[in-house]
Amino acid sequence: MAFVDIKIANLPTVRYSRVVTATYLDLVVSVGGIIGLFVGISAINILELFYWCLCRRN
């Protein structure tokens, strides 16, 4: 019977980098989502308000 002893000289390491890119559109979408979630107003509601106030004065 024989025994084999295997040792690792250096422990393996995992290195990763996370690159986060945020644009102006991401900011607008995030702010709009937060406002819509907590206030209940969306961009369509605001446009509809302008439509009723400006275009439908009859």
N, C-alpha and C. Protein backbone atom coordinates (compact mmCIF):
# COMPACT_ATOMS: atom_id res chain seq x y z
N MET A 1 0.84 -1.16 0.00
CA MET A 1 0.00 0.00 0.00
C MET A 1 0.90 1.24 0.00
N ALA A 2 0.51 2.24 -0.78
CA ALA A 2 1.29 3.47 -0.87
C ALA A 2 0.38 4.67 -0.66
N PHE A 3 0.92 5.70 -0.05
CA PHE A 3 0.19 6.96 0.18
C PHE A 3 0.86 8.06 -0.61
N VAL A 4 0.03 8.90 -1.22
CA VAL A 4 0.53 10.02 -1.99
C VAL A 4 0.07 11.29 -1.28
N ASP A 5 1.00 12.16 -0.98
CA ASP A 5 0.70 13.41 -0.30
C ASP A 5 0.89 14.55 -1.30
N ILE A 6 -0.21 15.24 -1.63
CA ILE A 6 -0.16 16.33 -2.60
C ILE A 6 -0.43 17.63 -1.85
N LYS A 7 0.44 18.61 -2.05
CA LYS A 7 0.27 19.91 -1.43
C LYS A 7 0.27 20.98 -2.51
N ILE A 8 -0.52 22.03 -2.26
CA ILE A 8 -0.57 23.15 -3.19
C ILE A 8 0.40 24.20 -2.69
N ALA A 9 1.29 24.63 -3.57
CA ALA A 9 2.31 25.60 -3.16
C ALA A 9 1.68 26.97 -2.89
N ASN A 10 0.83 27.43 -3.76
CA ASN A 10 0.14 28.71 -3.60
C ASN A 10 -1.36 28.47 -3.66
N LEU A 11 -2.08 29.07 -2.74
CA LEU A 11 -3.52 28.92 -2.76
C LEU A 11 -4.09 29.70 -3.94
N PRO A 12 -5.11 29.17 -4.58
CA PRO A 12 -5.70 29.89 -5.72
C PRO A 12 -6.48 31.11 -5.24
N THR A 13 -6.33 32.18 -5.96
CA THR A 13 -7.07 33.40 -5.65
C THR A 13 -7.90 33.80 -6.85
N VAL A 14 -9.04 34.36 -6.58
CA VAL A 14 -9.92 34.84 -7.64
C VAL A 14 -9.99 36.34 -7.53
N ARG A 15 -9.61 37.00 -8.59
CA ARG A 15 -9.67 38.45 -8.62
C ARG A 15 -10.64 38.87 -9.71
N TYR A 16 -11.53 39.76 -9.36
CA TYR A 16 -12.47 40.27 -10.34
C TYR A 16 -12.66 41.75 -10.10
N SER A 17 -13.01 42.41 -11.13
CA SER A 17 -13.30 43.83 -11.02
C SER A 17 -14.68 44.09 -11.59
N ARG A 18 -15.40 44.93 -10.93
CA ARG A 18 -16.75 45.26 -11.36
C ARG A 18 -16.73 46.68 -11.91
N VAL A 19 -17.07 46.81 -13.15
CA VAL A 19 -17.10 48.10 -13.80
C VAL A 19 -18.56 48.52 -13.94
N VAL A 20 -18.92 49.58 -13.25
CA VAL A 20 -20.28 50.08 -13.28
C VAL A 20 -20.31 51.37 -14.09
N THR A 21 -21.10 51.36 -15.11
CA THR A 21 -21.24 52.57 -15.91
C THR A 21 -22.67 53.06 -15.77
N ALA A 22 -22.82 54.29 -15.44
CA ALA A 22 -24.14 54.89 -15.31
C ALA A 22 -24.21 56.12 -16.22
N THR A 23 -25.25 56.18 -16.96
CA THR A 23 -25.43 57.31 -17.86
C THR A 23 -26.52 58.23 -17.31
N TYR A 24 -26.73 59.33 -18.00
CA TYR A 24 -27.76 60.29 -17.61
C TYR A 24 -29.15 59.64 -17.71
N LEU A 25 -29.34 58.79 -18.70
CA LEU A 25 -30.61 58.11 -18.87
C LEU A 25 -30.89 57.17 -17.70
N ASP A 26 -29.87 56.51 -17.19
CA ASP A 26 -30.05 55.65 -16.01
C ASP A 26 -30.52 56.46 -14.81
N LEU A 27 -29.98 57.65 -14.66
CA LEU A 27 -30.40 58.53 -13.55
C LEU A 27 -31.86 58.94 -13.71
N VAL A 28 -32.24 59.32 -14.92
CA VAL A 28 -33.62 59.73 -15.17
C VAL A 28 -34.58 58.58 -14.91
N VAL A 29 -34.24 57.40 -15.35
CA VAL A 29 -35.10 56.23 -15.15
C VAL A 29 -35.22 55.89 -13.67
N SER A 30 -34.12 55.96 -12.94
CA SER A 30 -34.15 55.66 -11.52
C SER A 30 -34.99 56.67 -10.74
N VAL A 31 -34.81 57.95 -11.03
CA VAL A 31 -35.58 58.98 -10.33
C VAL A 31 -37.06 58.86 -10.69
N GLY A 32 -37.37 58.62 -11.95
CA GLY A 32 -38.76 58.44 -12.35
C GLY A 32 -39.40 57.23 -11.70
N GLY A 33 -38.65 56.15 -11.56
CA GLY A 33 -39.18 54.96 -10.89
C GLY A 33 -39.45 55.20 -9.42
N ILE A 34 -38.55 55.92 -8.76
CA ILE A 34 -38.74 56.21 -7.33
C ILE A 34 -39.93 57.13 -7.13
N ILE A 35 -40.06 58.15 -7.96
CA ILE A 35 -41.20 59.07 -7.85
C ILE A 35 -42.50 58.31 -8.13
N GLY A 36 -42.49 57.47 -9.15
CA GLY A 36 -43.69 56.70 -9.45
C GLY A 36 -44.05 55.72 -8.35
N LEU A 37 -43.05 55.18 -7.69
CA LEU A 37 -43.32 54.21 -6.63
C LEU A 37 -43.89 54.88 -5.39
N PHE A 38 -43.32 55.99 -4.97
CA PHE A 38 -43.71 56.59 -3.70
C PHE A 38 -44.81 57.64 -3.84
N VAL A 39 -44.90 58.30 -4.98
CA VAL A 39 -45.88 59.37 -5.14
C VAL A 39 -47.06 58.90 -5.99
N GLY A 40 -46.82 58.04 -6.95
CA GLY A 40 -47.88 57.56 -7.81
C GLY A 40 -48.06 58.39 -9.06
N ILE A 41 -47.08 59.20 -9.39
CA ILE A 41 -47.15 60.04 -10.59
C ILE A 41 -46.15 59.50 -11.61
N SER A 42 -46.59 59.38 -12.85
CA SER A 42 -45.68 58.96 -13.91
C SER A 42 -45.56 60.08 -14.94
N ALA A 43 -44.66 59.91 -15.87
CA ALA A 43 -44.47 60.92 -16.92
C ALA A 43 -45.70 61.04 -17.80
N ILE A 44 -46.41 59.94 -18.01
CA ILE A 44 -47.62 59.98 -18.81
C ILE A 44 -48.70 60.80 -18.12
N ASN A 45 -48.80 60.69 -16.79
CA ASN A 45 -49.77 61.50 -16.06
C ASN A 45 -49.45 62.99 -16.16
N ILE A 46 -48.19 63.33 -16.12
CA ILE A 46 -47.79 64.74 -16.23
C ILE A 46 -48.10 65.26 -17.63
N LEU A 47 -47.79 64.47 -18.66
CA LEU A 47 -48.12 64.88 -20.03
C LEU A 47 -49.62 65.00 -20.23
N GLU A 48 -50.37 64.09 -19.63
CA GLU A 48 -51.83 64.17 -19.74
C GLU A 48 -52.36 65.42 -19.05
N LEU A 49 -51.77 65.81 -17.94
CA LEU A 49 -52.17 67.03 -17.24
C LEU A 49 -51.93 68.25 -18.12
N PHE A 50 -50.75 68.32 -18.76
CA PHE A 50 -50.47 69.42 -19.69
C PHE A 50 -51.45 69.41 -20.87
N TYR A 51 -51.77 68.23 -21.34
CA TYR A 51 -52.71 68.13 -22.47
C TYR A 51 -54.07 68.68 -22.07
N TRP A 52 -54.57 68.28 -20.94
CA TRP A 52 -55.89 68.75 -20.51
C TRP A 52 -55.89 70.25 -20.20
N CYS A 53 -54.80 70.76 -19.69
CA CYS A 53 -54.76 72.19 -19.35
C CYS A 53 -54.53 73.08 -20.57
N LEU A 54 -53.73 72.67 -21.51
CA LEU A 54 -53.36 73.51 -22.64
C LEU A 54 -54.18 73.26 -23.89
N CYS A 55 -54.46 72.04 -24.19
CA CYS A 55 -55.08 71.70 -25.48
C CYS A 55 -56.58 71.57 -25.39
N ARG A 56 -57.13 71.25 -24.28
CA ARG A 56 -58.57 70.98 -24.16
C ARG A 56 -59.29 72.09 -23.40
N ARG A 57 -59.05 73.33 -23.77
CA ARG A 57 -59.68 74.45 -23.07
C ARG A 57 -61.09 74.72 -23.55
N ASN A 58 -61.63 73.97 -24.43
CA ASN A 58 -62.98 74.22 -24.98
C ASN A 58 -64.04 74.00 -23.94
